[in-house]
Protein backbone atom coordinates (compact mmCIF):
# COMPACT_ATOMS: atom_id res chain seq x y z
CA UNK A 1 11.24 -11.86 -3.58
CA UNK A 2 10.75 -15.46 -2.20
CA UNK A 3 7.30 -16.47 -3.38
CA UNK A 4 7.54 -18.22 0.86
CA UNK A 5 7.78 -14.80 1.72
CA UNK A 6 5.04 -13.23 -0.49
CA UNK A 7 2.60 -16.37 0.26
CA UNK A 8 3.39 -15.06 4.34
CA UNK A 9 2.53 -11.71 3.39
CA UNK A 10 -0.61 -12.13 1.45
CA UNK A 11 -1.61 -14.12 4.82
CA UNK A 12 -1.91 -10.96 6.46
CA UNK A 13 -5.02 -8.79 6.94
CA UNK A 14 -6.54 -6.59 4.21
CA UNK A 15 -9.35 -4.11 5.34
CA UNK A 16 -10.82 -2.20 2.20
CA UNK A 17 -9.75 1.07 1.99
CA UNK A 18 -10.44 3.77 -0.01
CA UNK A 19 -8.03 7.23 -0.52
CA UNK A 20 -6.05 9.09 -2.88
CA UNK A 21 -2.42 7.55 -3.66
CA UNK A 22 0.64 9.15 -5.38
CA UNK A 23 3.23 6.25 -6.60
CA UNK A 24 6.67 8.06 -7.73
CA UNK A 25 9.61 5.79 -8.94
CA UNK A 26 12.55 6.47 -6.97
CA UNK A 27 14.65 6.21 -10.10
CA UNK A 28 13.05 8.00 -12.42
CA UNK A 29 11.16 10.38 -10.66
CA UNK A 30 7.78 9.05 -13.13
CA UNK A 31 4.80 9.83 -10.88
CA UNK A 32 1.40 7.25 -11.10
CA UNK A 33 -1.87 9.52 -9.44
CA UNK A 34 -4.74 6.56 -8.10
CA UNK A 35 -6.81 5.28 -5.10
CA UNK A 36 -5.99 2.61 -2.50
CA UNK A 37 -8.31 0.09 -2.64
CA UNK A 38 -6.95 -2.05 0.20
CA UNK A 39 -4.62 -1.54 2.88
CA UNK A 40 -2.90 -4.15 4.99
CA UNK A 41 -0.11 -3.34 7.73
CA UNK A 42 2.25 -4.46 5.33
CA UNK A 43 1.17 -3.19 1.81
CA UNK A 44 -1.56 -1.77 0.14
CA UNK A 45 -3.61 -1.68 -3.51
CA UNK A 46 -3.04 0.60 -6.17
CA UNK A 47 -5.64 0.99 -8.63
CA UNK A 48 -4.41 3.74 -11.62
CA UNK A 49 -5.67 5.02 -14.68
CA UNK A 50 -2.05 4.45 -16.89
CA UNK A 51 -0.36 0.39 -16.91
CA UNK A 52 1.35 0.51 -13.51
CA UNK A 53 5.42 0.17 -12.51
CA UNK A 54 6.51 -3.14 -12.96
CA UNK A 55 7.44 -5.78 -10.51
CA UNK A 56 9.91 -4.96 -8.36
CA UNK A 57 10.17 -0.98 -8.58
CA UNK A 58 11.19 0.83 -6.04
CA UNK A 59 8.74 3.73 -5.10
CA UNK A 60 7.95 6.91 -2.34
CA UNK A 61 4.48 6.10 -1.93
CA UNK A 62 2.17 8.97 -0.61
CA UNK A 63 -1.41 7.75 0.30
CA UNK A 64 -3.94 10.77 1.75
CA UNK A 65 -7.36 10.73 3.48
CA UNK A 66 -8.97 13.36 5.06
CA UNK A 67 -6.29 15.75 5.01
CA UNK A 68 -3.84 13.27 6.92
CA UNK A 69 -0.92 11.85 4.47
CA UNK A 70 1.50 8.64 4.73
CA UNK A 71 4.47 8.81 3.05
CA UNK A 72 7.08 5.68 2.96
CA UNK A 73 8.98 3.53 0.39
CA UNK A 74 7.63 0.72 -0.85
CA UNK A 75 8.50 -1.75 -3.73
CA UNK A 76 5.89 -2.60 -6.16
CA UNK A 77 4.76 -7.17 -6.18
CA UNK A 78 2.67 -7.75 -8.62
CA UNK A 79 0.55 -5.52 -11.57
CA UNK A 80 -2.95 -6.01 -12.51
CA UNK A 81 -4.90 -6.27 -15.38
CA UNK A 82 -2.59 -2.81 -16.82
CA UNK A 83 -4.79 -0.68 -13.57
CA UNK A 84 -3.85 -2.40 -10.33
CA UNK A 85 -0.15 -2.91 -8.70
CA UNK A 86 -0.10 -4.22 -5.11
CA UNK A 87 2.82 -2.70 -2.95
CA UNK A 88 4.50 -3.65 -0.01
CA UNK A 89 5.88 -1.01 1.84
CA UNK A 90 9.68 -1.04 3.31
CA UNK A 91 11.47 1.39 5.76
CA UNK A 92 8.63 2.86 7.46
CA UNK A 93 9.44 5.91 9.85
CA UNK A 94 7.87 5.38 12.93
CA UNK A 95 5.48 8.41 13.30
CA UNK A 96 3.89 6.41 9.78
CA UNK A 97 3.86 4.03 11.10
CA UNK A 98 1.45 5.18 13.91
CA UNK A 99 -0.90 6.87 11.42
CA UNK A 100 -1.14 3.48 9.40
CA UNK A 101 -1.63 1.75 12.63
CA UNK A 102 -4.22 3.91 13.10
CA UNK A 103 -6.24 3.59 9.83
CA UNK A 104 -5.13 -0.25 10.09
CA UNK A 105 -7.25 0.04 13.19
CA UNK A 106 -10.37 2.14 11.47
CA UNK A 107 -10.46 0.30 8.71
CA UNK A 108 -10.42 -3.00 10.39
CA UNK A 109 -14.37 -5.00 11.24
CA UNK A 110 -15.06 -3.90 15.35
CA UNK A 111 -16.00 -8.08 14.76
CA UNK A 112 -11.95 -8.64 13.87
CA UNK A 113 -10.57 -6.26 16.95
CA UNK A 114 -12.36 -8.60 19.16
CA UNK A 115 -10.69 -11.62 17.72
CA UNK A 116 -7.45 -11.15 18.11
């Protein structure tokens, strides 16, 4: 991923969002459990108890909040301090995009929604 694309993605509104998360490496099947810390239309940040997957790893991520789960493919954009990893969503099915949009609307501060 080029630095220009990464910079563009970082300009997207990120909202604090805490939910259970599970990331599964699509090649090895290894799973990491954790919590989301931030959510955006293009990705999320997950904190884990174990070292995160390395940059570029393709994963299937499942985020669950209040009994609702979002499942989509993503890839690891970065890992920080052996506890955090940033994911960029890819190939999101339309039904899952609706869940993400609802979560984003609920997580976006009211004053930001008025300025759009």
